[in-house]
Protein backbone atom coordinates (compact mmCIF):
# COMPACT_ATOMS: atom_id res chain seq x y z
CA MET A 1 69.40 -43.22 -16.65
CA LYS A 2 69.28 -39.72 -18.10
CA PHE A 3 66.15 -37.61 -18.38
CA ASN A 4 65.62 -34.41 -20.38
CA TYR A 5 63.24 -32.27 -18.32
CA TYR A 6 63.24 -29.52 -20.91
CA ILE A 7 61.98 -31.64 -23.79
CA GLY A 8 59.51 -33.33 -21.45
CA THR A 9 58.18 -29.91 -20.49
CA THR A 10 58.00 -28.78 -24.11
CA ALA A 11 56.09 -31.86 -25.26
CA SER A 12 53.70 -31.94 -22.32
CA SER A 13 52.85 -28.24 -22.51
CA TRP A 14 51.87 -28.46 -26.20
CA LEU A 15 49.90 -31.66 -25.53
CA LEU A 16 48.03 -29.87 -22.75
CA LEU A 17 47.02 -27.12 -25.17
CA ALA A 18 45.85 -29.71 -27.72
CA LEU A 19 43.85 -31.60 -25.10
CA ILE A 20 42.19 -28.45 -23.78
CA LEU A 21 41.13 -27.44 -27.28
CA ALA A 22 39.98 -30.98 -28.12
CA VAL A 23 37.84 -31.20 -24.99
CA GLU A 24 36.28 -27.78 -25.63
CA PHE A 25 35.42 -28.54 -29.26
CA SER A 26 34.58 -32.25 -29.07
CA ALA A 27 32.02 -33.53 -26.59
CA PRO A 28 32.67 -37.17 -27.62
CA PHE A 29 36.38 -36.78 -26.84
CA LYS A 30 35.51 -35.30 -23.45
CA GLY A 31 33.19 -38.27 -22.90
CA VAL A 32 36.00 -40.71 -23.69
CA LEU A 33 38.27 -39.04 -21.14
CA VAL A 34 35.47 -39.14 -18.56
CA SER A 35 34.68 -42.79 -19.25
CA ILE A 36 38.33 -43.83 -18.90
CA PHE A 37 39.52 -41.54 -16.09
CA SER A 38 36.24 -40.57 -14.30
CA HIS A 39 36.86 -36.86 -15.03
CA HIS A 40 38.33 -35.05 -18.03
CA TRP A 41 40.76 -33.09 -15.85
CA ILE A 42 42.19 -36.32 -14.46
CA GLY A 43 42.47 -37.69 -18.00
CA LYS A 44 44.37 -34.63 -19.19
CA ALA A 45 46.68 -34.78 -16.16
CA VAL A 46 47.48 -38.46 -16.75
CA LEU A 47 48.11 -37.98 -20.49
CA VAL A 48 50.28 -34.90 -19.95
CA THR A 49 52.30 -36.69 -17.26
CA LEU A 50 52.83 -39.68 -19.56
CA ALA A 51 53.92 -37.35 -22.38
CA PHE A 52 56.35 -35.59 -20.03
CA ALA A 53 57.91 -38.89 -18.97
CA ALA A 54 57.99 -40.41 -22.46
CA ALA A 55 59.51 -37.37 -24.16
CA GLY A 56 61.99 -36.85 -21.33
CA PHE A 57 63.30 -40.41 -21.60
CA LEU A 58 63.09 -40.72 -25.39
CA PHE A 59 65.09 -37.54 -25.98
CA ALA A 60 67.41 -37.81 -22.99
CA GLY A 61 70.57 -37.23 -25.03
CA LYS A 62 69.21 -34.43 -27.21
CA LYS A 63 70.44 -30.93 -26.46
CA SER A 64 68.41 -28.83 -28.86
CA VAL A 65 65.03 -28.77 -30.58
CA ALA A 66 65.10 -27.42 -34.14
CA GLY A 67 68.33 -25.55 -33.40
CA ILE A 68 66.97 -23.95 -30.21
CA ALA A 69 68.52 -24.91 -26.87
CA ASP A 70 66.26 -27.23 -24.82
CA ARG A 71 66.01 -24.76 -21.98
CA ASP A 72 64.91 -21.92 -24.28
CA CYS A 73 62.48 -24.17 -26.13
CA ALA A 74 60.83 -25.22 -22.85
CA TRP A 75 60.58 -21.61 -21.71
CA TYR A 76 59.08 -20.42 -25.02
CA SER A 77 56.67 -23.35 -25.01
CA ILE A 78 55.40 -22.70 -21.50
CA VAL A 79 54.89 -18.99 -22.09
CA SER A 80 53.29 -19.54 -25.51
CA VAL A 81 50.93 -22.25 -24.31
CA LEU A 82 49.84 -20.25 -21.27
CA ALA A 83 49.18 -17.21 -23.46
CA LEU A 84 47.23 -19.27 -26.00
CA ILE A 85 45.11 -20.95 -23.31
CA PHE A 86 44.37 -17.58 -21.74
CA LEU A 87 43.53 -16.05 -25.11
CA PHE A 88 41.31 -18.99 -26.04
CA PHE A 89 39.23 -18.75 -22.87
CA VAL A 90 38.98 -14.95 -23.05
CA LEU A 91 37.69 -15.21 -26.62
CA HIS A 92 35.47 -18.15 -25.67
CA PHE A 93 33.95 -16.10 -22.84
CA MET A 94 33.46 -12.98 -24.98
CA LEU A 95 31.89 -14.75 -27.96
């Protein structure tokens, strides 16, 4: 069975960003993750891992995302998400 690591990485990195922002802005959402997984970090890790696996298997035969090669899309996603997470927490700390 084929697996597309690049699309799995792309999907899971953007989901991680969304989950981090959701937990920071929504205490009830954080509470749901805690109630299900015992800690919000564990919840985010489980959901991101599931997204990685699901996207990797669902798009196993796909070779590009929106006209961008899978490898490039994964690279741009990782760098962008890391920069946005860093920027969010810097601004969060300063404000």
